[in-house]
Amino acid sequence: MRIFLVDDNAVARNAIKAALQRHRDWVVVAEARDGREALETFSDIRPELTVMDLTMPEMNGLEAAGRLTEL
């Protein structure tokens, strides 16, 4: 499974990435630090799953998730 990880906290991102990648068939294909960066990156990678923090600066995860579903 191709996973896109979005979180403004680098420590949290690394911990989540490590946990996700324990599964043999799961790979984090890209990361973003906020909702705006997620929107810029999403179309290029077309992940099967996006794991996103809801409280982030610039654009929160809820707003970004809504916009991602429109792509």
PDB file of N, CA and C in Angstrom:
ATOM      1  N   MET A   1       0.849  -1.172   0.000  1.00  0.00           N
ATOM      2  CA  MET A   1       0.000   0.000   0.000  1.00  0.00           C
ATOM      3  C   MET A   1       0.894   1.233   0.000  1.00  0.00           C
ATOM      4  N   ARG A   2       0.562   2.152  -0.874  1.00  0.00           N
ATOM      5  CA  ARG A   2       1.302   3.417  -0.992  1.00  0.00           C
ATOM      6  C   ARG A   2       0.639   4.451  -0.072  1.00  0.00           C
ATOM      7  N   ILE A   3       1.408   4.955   0.895  1.00  0.00           N
ATOM      8  CA  ILE A   3       0.858   5.829   1.931  1.00  0.00           C
ATOM      9  C   ILE A   3       1.494   7.218   1.862  1.00  0.00           C
ATOM     10  N   PHE A   4       0.656   8.235   2.012  1.00  0.00           N
ATOM     11  CA  PHE A   4       1.082   9.628   2.076  1.00  0.00           C
ATOM     12  C   PHE A   4       0.876  10.086   3.511  1.00  0.00           C
ATOM     13  N   LEU A   5       1.924  10.596   4.138  1.00  0.00           N
ATOM     14  CA  LEU A   5       1.900  10.982   5.546  1.00  0.00           C
ATOM     15  C   LEU A   5       1.998  12.497   5.668  1.00  0.00           C
ATOM     16  N   VAL A   6       1.032  13.098   6.361  1.00  0.00           N
ATOM     17  CA  VAL A   6       0.987  14.557   6.499  1.00  0.00           C
ATOM     18  C   VAL A   6       0.875  14.925   7.981  1.00  0.00           C
ATOM     19  N   ASP A   7       1.906  15.591   8.503  1.00  0.00           N
ATOM     20  CA  ASP A   7       1.909  16.030   9.904  1.00  0.00           C
ATOM     21  C   ASP A   7       2.946  17.126  10.044  1.00  0.00           C
ATOM     22  N   ASP A   8       2.626  18.183  10.783  1.00  0.00           N
ATOM     23  CA  ASP A   8       3.556  19.285  10.964  1.00  0.00           C
ATOM     24  C   ASP A   8       4.668  18.967  11.956  1.00  0.00           C
ATOM     25  N   ASN A   9       4.519  17.917  12.743  1.00  0.00           N
ATOM     26  CA  ASN A   9       5.505  17.540  13.753  1.00  0.00           C
ATOM     27  C   ASN A   9       6.419  16.444  13.193  1.00  0.00           C
ATOM     28  N   ALA A  10       7.680  16.765  12.974  1.00  0.00           N
ATOM     29  CA  ALA A  10       8.620  15.823  12.380  1.00  0.00           C
ATOM     30  C   ALA A  10       8.815  14.573  13.236  1.00  0.00           C
ATOM     31  N   VAL A  11       8.823  14.728  14.546  1.00  0.00           N
ATOM     32  CA  VAL A  11       8.987  13.579  15.443  1.00  0.00           C
ATOM     33  C   VAL A  11       7.787  12.634  15.301  1.00  0.00           C
ATOM     34  N   ALA A  12       6.601  13.208  15.287  1.00  0.00           N
ATOM     35  CA  ALA A  12       5.391  12.392  15.113  1.00  0.00           C
ATOM     36  C   ALA A  12       5.396  11.715  13.750  1.00  0.00           C
ATOM     37  N   ARG A  13       5.769  12.456  12.703  1.00  0.00           N
ATOM     38  CA  ARG A  13       5.830  11.878  11.356  1.00  0.00           C
ATOM     39  C   ARG A  13       6.767  10.686  11.313  1.00  0.00           C
ATOM     40  N   ASN A  14       7.933  10.825  11.913  1.00  0.00           N
ATOM     41  CA  ASN A  14       8.906   9.727  11.915  1.00  0.00           C
ATOM     42  C   ASN A  14       8.390   8.514  12.688  1.00  0.00           C
ATOM     43  N   ALA A  15       7.737   8.747  13.814  1.00  0.00           N
ATOM     44  CA  ALA A  15       7.194   7.642  14.613  1.00  0.00           C
ATOM     45  C   ALA A  15       6.068   6.922  13.869  1.00  0.00           C
ATOM     46  N   ILE A  16       5.195   7.688  13.249  1.00  0.00           N
ATOM     47  CA  ILE A  16       4.096   7.085  12.485  1.00  0.00           C
ATOM     48  C   ILE A  16       4.645   6.324  11.286  1.00  0.00           C
ATOM     49  N   LYS A  17       5.606   6.916  10.610  1.00  0.00           N
ATOM     50  CA  LYS A  17       6.226   6.257   9.455  1.00  0.00           C
ATOM     51  C   LYS A  17       6.843   4.927   9.856  1.00  0.00           C
ATOM     52  N   ALA A  18       7.571   4.915  10.945  1.00  0.00           N
ATOM     53  CA  ALA A  18       8.201   3.673  11.413  1.00  0.00           C
ATOM     54  C   ALA A  18       7.148   2.613  11.732  1.00  0.00           C
ATOM     55  N   ALA A  19       6.061   3.021  12.372  1.00  0.00           N
ATOM     56  CA  ALA A  19       4.999   2.072  12.713  1.00  0.00           C
ATOM     57  C   ALA A  19       4.325   1.529  11.457  1.00  0.00           C
ATOM     58  N   LEU A  20       4.041   2.395  10.502  1.00  0.00           N
ATOM     59  CA  LEU A  20       3.377   1.961   9.271  1.00  0.00           C
ATOM     60  C   LEU A  20       4.249   1.009   8.459  1.00  0.00           C
ATOM     61  N   GLN A  21       5.521   1.305   8.409  1.00  0.00           N
ATOM     62  CA  GLN A  21       6.415   0.521   7.554  1.00  0.00           C
ATOM     63  C   GLN A  21       6.834  -0.809   8.174  1.00  0.00           C
ATOM     64  N   ARG A  22       6.327  -1.111   9.354  1.00  0.00           N
ATOM     65  CA  ARG A  22       6.539  -2.448   9.920  1.00  0.00           C
ATOM     66  C   ARG A  22       5.793  -3.495   9.103  1.00  0.00           C
ATOM     67  N   HIS A  23       4.774  -3.044   8.410  1.00  0.00           N
ATOM     68  CA  HIS A  23       4.013  -3.935   7.536  1.00  0.00           C
ATOM     69  C   HIS A  23       4.777  -4.079   6.218  1.00  0.00           C
ATOM     70  N   ARG A  24       5.025  -5.284   5.835  1.00  0.00           N
ATOM     71  CA  ARG A  24       5.860  -5.575   4.670  1.00  0.00           C
ATOM     72  C   ARG A  24       5.368  -4.906   3.391  1.00  0.00           C
ATOM     73  N   ASP A  25       4.086  -4.855   3.188  1.00  0.00           N
ATOM     74  CA  ASP A  25       3.534  -4.325   1.942  1.00  0.00           C
ATOM     75  C   ASP A  25       3.145  -2.853   1.999  1.00  0.00           C
ATOM     76  N   TRP A  26       3.465  -2.185   3.089  1.00  0.00           N
ATOM     77  CA  TRP A  26       3.136  -0.773   3.225  1.00  0.00           C
ATOM     78  C   TRP A  26       4.395   0.066   3.083  1.00  0.00           C
ATOM     79  N   VAL A  27       4.312   1.136   2.311  1.00  0.00           N
ATOM     80  CA  VAL A  27       5.449   2.033   2.156  1.00  0.00           C
ATOM     81  C   VAL A  27       4.949   3.485   2.146  1.00  0.00           C
ATOM     82  N   VAL A  28       5.627   4.321   2.913  1.00  0.00           N
ATOM     83  CA  VAL A  28       5.329   5.756   2.909  1.00  0.00           C
ATOM     84  C   VAL A  28       6.045   6.337   1.698  1.00  0.00           C
ATOM     85  N   VAL A  29       5.270   6.754   0.702  1.00  0.00           N
ATOM     86  CA  VAL A  29       5.849   7.221  -0.557  1.00  0.00           C
ATOM     87  C   VAL A  29       6.142   8.715  -0.556  1.00  0.00           C
ATOM     88  N   ALA A  30       5.523   9.450   0.374  1.00  0.00           N
ATOM     89  CA  ALA A  30       5.777  10.890   0.462  1.00  0.00           C
ATOM     90  C   ALA A  30       5.299  11.409   1.803  1.00  0.00           C
ATOM     91  N   GLU A  31       5.849  12.574   2.163  1.00  0.00           N
ATOM     92  CA  GLU A  31       5.475  13.240   3.411  1.00  0.00           C
ATOM     93  C   GLU A  31       5.258  14.720   3.134  1.00  0.00           C
ATOM     94  N   ALA A  32       4.399  15.339   3.934  1.00  0.00           N
ATOM     95  CA  ALA A  32       4.168  16.782   3.848  1.00  0.00           C
ATOM     96  C   ALA A  32       4.048  17.335   5.259  1.00  0.00           C
ATOM     97  N   ARG A  33       4.359  18.622   5.411  1.00  0.00           N
ATOM     98  CA  ARG A  33       4.360  19.270   6.734  1.00  0.00           C
ATOM     99  C   ARG A  33       3.068  20.003   7.052  1.00  0.00           C
ATOM    100  N   ASP A  34       2.227  20.248   6.047  1.00  0.00           N
ATOM    101  CA  ASP A  34       0.953  20.925   6.296  1.00  0.00           C
ATOM    102  C   ASP A  34       0.007  20.669   5.128  1.00  0.00           C
ATOM    103  N   GLY A  35      -1.199  21.163   5.253  1.00  0.00           N
ATOM    104  CA  GLY A  35      -2.212  20.920   4.239  1.00  0.00           C
ATOM    105  C   GLY A  35      -1.872  21.489   2.881  1.00  0.00           C
ATOM    106  N   ARG A  36      -1.264  22.657   2.856  1.00  0.00           N
ATOM    107  CA  ARG A  36      -0.887  23.260   1.563  1.00  0.00           C
ATOM    108  C   ARG A  36       0.135  22.395   0.841  1.00  0.00           C
ATOM    109  N   GLU A  37       1.132  21.952   1.571  1.00  0.00           N
ATOM    110  CA  GLU A  37       2.143  21.086   0.975  1.00  0.00           C
ATOM    111  C   GLU A  37       1.523  19.758   0.531  1.00  0.00           C
ATOM    112  N   ALA A  38       0.564  19.272   1.284  1.00  0.00           N
ATOM    113  CA  ALA A  38      -0.120  18.032   0.914  1.00  0.00           C
ATOM    114  C   ALA A  38      -0.832  18.195  -0.418  1.00  0.00           C
ATOM    115  N   LEU A  39      -1.515  19.321  -0.606  1.00  0.00           N
ATOM    116  CA  LEU A  39      -2.222  19.563  -1.866  1.00  0.00           C
ATOM    117  C   LEU A  39      -1.251  19.645  -3.035  1.00  0.00           C
ATOM    118  N   GLU A  40      -0.098  20.258  -2.824  1.00  0.00           N
ATOM    119  CA  GLU A  40       0.900  20.393  -3.886  1.00  0.00           C
ATOM    120  C   GLU A  40       1.497  19.052  -4.273  1.00  0.00           C
ATOM    121  N   THR A  41       1.603  18.129  -3.327  1.00  0.00           N
ATOM    122  CA  THR A  41       2.284  16.848  -3.536  1.00  0.00           C
ATOM    123  C   THR A  41       1.351  15.736  -3.982  1.00  0.00           C
ATOM    124  N   PHE A  42       0.117  15.761  -3.541  1.00  0.00           N
ATOM    125  CA  PHE A  42      -0.813  14.643  -3.711  1.00  0.00           C
ATOM    126  C   PHE A  42      -0.969  14.175  -5.160  1.00  0.00           C
ATOM    127  N   SER A  43      -1.187  15.081  -6.067  1.00  0.00           N
ATOM    128  CA  SER A  43      -1.433  14.701  -7.463  1.00  0.00           C
ATOM    129  C   SER A  43      -0.261  13.982  -8.101  1.00  0.00           C
ATOM    130  N   ASP A  44       0.937  14.322  -7.674  1.00  0.00           N
ATOM    131  CA  ASP A  44       2.131  13.690  -8.243  1.00  0.00           C
ATOM    132  C   ASP A  44       2.301  12.250  -7.782  1.00  0.00           C
ATOM    133  N   ILE A  45       1.848  11.939  -6.576  1.00  0.00           N
ATOM    134  CA  ILE A  45       2.120  10.598  -6.031  1.00  0.00           C
ATOM    135  C   ILE A  45       0.925   9.660  -6.034  1.00  0.00           C
ATOM    136  N   ARG A  46      -0.294  10.186  -6.033  1.00  0.00           N
ATOM    137  CA  ARG A  46      -1.519   9.387  -6.045  1.00  0.00           C
ATOM    138  C   ARG A  46      -1.452   8.196  -5.085  1.00  0.00           C
ATOM    139  N   PRO A  47      -1.406   8.472  -3.776  1.00  0.00           N
ATOM    140  CA  PRO A  47      -1.319   7.387  -2.789  1.00  0.00           C
ATOM    141  C   PRO A  47      -2.626   6.604  -2.689  1.00  0.00           C
ATOM    142  N   GLU A  48      -2.534   5.435  -2.140  1.00  0.00           N
ATOM    143  CA  GLU A  48      -3.725   4.630  -1.877  1.00  0.00           C
ATOM    144  C   GLU A  48      -4.364   5.019  -0.538  1.00  0.00           C
ATOM    145  N   LEU A  49      -3.543   5.566   0.366  1.00  0.00           N
ATOM    146  CA  LEU A  49      -3.997   5.958   1.694  1.00  0.00           C
ATOM    147  C   LEU A  49      -3.259   7.221   2.115  1.00  0.00           C
ATOM    148  N   THR A  50      -3.986   8.165   2.714  1.00  0.00           N
ATOM    149  CA  THR A  50      -3.361   9.360   3.277  1.00  0.00           C
ATOM    150  C   THR A  50      -3.633   9.376   4.775  1.00  0.00           C
ATOM    151  N   VAL A  51      -2.570   9.518   5.560  1.00  0.00           N
ATOM    152  CA  VAL A  51      -2.676   9.636   7.010  1.00  0.00           C
ATOM    153  C   VAL A  51      -2.325  11.084   7.332  1.00  0.00           C
ATOM    154  N   MET A  52      -3.302  11.835   7.894  1.00  0.00           N
ATOM    155  CA  MET A  52      -3.104  13.261   8.053  1.00  0.00           C
ATOM    156  C   MET A  52      -3.513  13.745   9.438  1.00  0.00           C
ATOM    157  N   ASP A  53      -2.662  14.584  10.016  1.00  0.00           N
ATOM    158  CA  ASP A  53      -2.953  15.273  11.268  1.00  0.00           C
ATOM    159  C   ASP A  53      -4.070  16.288  10.999  1.00  0.00           C
ATOM    160  N   LEU A  54      -4.988  16.433  11.920  1.00  0.00           N
ATOM    161  CA  LEU A  54      -6.072  17.391  11.724  1.00  0.00           C
ATOM    162  C   LEU A  54      -5.707  18.807  12.140  1.00  0.00           C
ATOM    163  N   THR A  55      -4.768  18.961  13.088  1.00  0.00           N
ATOM    164  CA  THR A  55      -4.414  20.295  13.569  1.00  0.00           C
ATOM    165  C   THR A  55      -3.013  20.654  13.105  1.00  0.00           C
ATOM    166  N   MET A  56      -2.958  21.427  12.034  1.00  0.00           N
ATOM    167  CA  MET A  56      -1.678  21.865  11.466  1.00  0.00           C
ATOM    168  C   MET A  56      -1.783  23.338  11.092  1.00  0.00           C
ATOM    169  N   PRO A  57      -0.640  24.029  11.033  1.00  0.00           N
ATOM    170  CA  PRO A  57      -0.649  25.428  10.593  1.00  0.00           C
ATOM    171  C   PRO A  57      -0.858  25.512   9.074  1.00  0.00           C
ATOM    172  N   GLU A  58      -1.023  26.705   8.578  1.00  0.00           N
ATOM    173  CA  GLU A  58      -1.220  26.984   7.154  1.00  0.00           C
ATOM    174  C   GLU A  58      -2.588  26.523   6.676  1.00  0.00           C
ATOM    175  N   MET A  59      -2.811  25.216   6.645  1.00  0.00           N
ATOM    176  CA  MET A  59      -4.112  24.660   6.282  1.00  0.00           C
ATOM    177  C   MET A  59      -4.293  23.403   7.106  1.00  0.00           C
ATOM    178  N   ASN A  60      -5.359  23.346   7.906  1.00  0.00           N
ATOM    179  CA  ASN A  60      -5.528  22.186   8.779  1.00  0.00           C
ATOM    180  C   ASN A  60      -5.898  20.939   7.975  1.00  0.00           C
ATOM    181  N   GLY A  61      -5.802  19.798   8.606  1.00  0.00           N
ATOM    182  CA  GLY A  61      -6.034  18.530   7.934  1.00  0.00           C
ATOM    183  C   GLY A  61      -7.452  18.347   7.444  1.00  0.00           C
ATOM    184  N   LEU A  62      -8.416  18.894   8.164  1.00  0.00           N
ATOM    185  CA  LEU A  62      -9.809  18.755   7.744  1.00  0.00           C
ATOM    186  C   LEU A  62     -10.057  19.496   6.432  1.00  0.00           C
ATOM    187  N   GLU A  63      -9.568  20.725   6.342  1.00  0.00           N
ATOM    188  CA  GLU A  63      -9.722  21.504   5.109  1.00  0.00           C
ATOM    189  C   GLU A  63      -8.954  20.836   3.962  1.00  0.00           C
ATOM    190  N   ALA A  64      -7.738  20.388   4.245  1.00  0.00           N
ATOM    191  CA  ALA A  64      -6.937  19.740   3.201  1.00  0.00           C
ATOM    192  C   ALA A  64      -7.593  18.457   2.719  1.00  0.00           C
ATOM    193  N   ALA A  65      -8.136  17.665   3.616  1.00  0.00           N
ATOM    194  CA  ALA A  65      -8.801  16.415   3.239  1.00  0.00           C
ATOM    195  C   ALA A  65      -9.983  16.706   2.312  1.00  0.00           C
ATOM    196  N   GLY A  66     -10.739  17.734   2.630  1.00  0.00           N
ATOM    197  CA  GLY A  66     -11.857  18.117   1.770  1.00  0.00           C
ATOM    198  C   GLY A  66     -11.406  18.487   0.375  1.00  0.00           C
ATOM    199  N   ARG A  67     -10.324  19.211   0.290  1.00  0.00           N
ATOM    200  CA  ARG A  67      -9.806  19.614  -1.018  1.00  0.00           C
ATOM    201  C   ARG A  67      -9.188  18.439  -1.770  1.00  0.00           C
ATOM    202  N   LEU A  68      -8.543  17.539  -1.041  1.00  0.00           N
ATOM    203  CA  LEU A  68      -7.937  16.366  -1.692  1.00  0.00           C
ATOM    204  C   LEU A  68      -8.998  15.493  -2.346  1.00  0.00           C
ATOM    205  N   THR A  69     -10.182  15.418  -1.759  1.00  0.00           N
ATOM    206  CA  THR A  69     -11.231  14.580  -2.345  1.00  0.00           C
ATOM    207  C   THR A  69     -11.751  15.175  -3.650  1.00  0.00           C
ATOM    208  N   GLU A  70     -11.481  16.444  -3.887  1.00  0.00           N
ATOM    209  CA  GLU A  70     -11.902  17.099  -5.127  1.00  0.00           C
ATOM    210  C   GLU A  70     -10.916  16.880  -6.276  1.00  0.00           C
ATOM    211  N   LEU A  71      -9.727  16.408  -5.955  1.00  0.00           N
ATOM    212  CA  LEU A  71      -8.698  16.216  -7.004  1.00  0.00           C
ATOM    213  C   LEU A  71      -8.955  14.992  -7.846  1.00  0.00           C
TER     214      LEU A  71
END
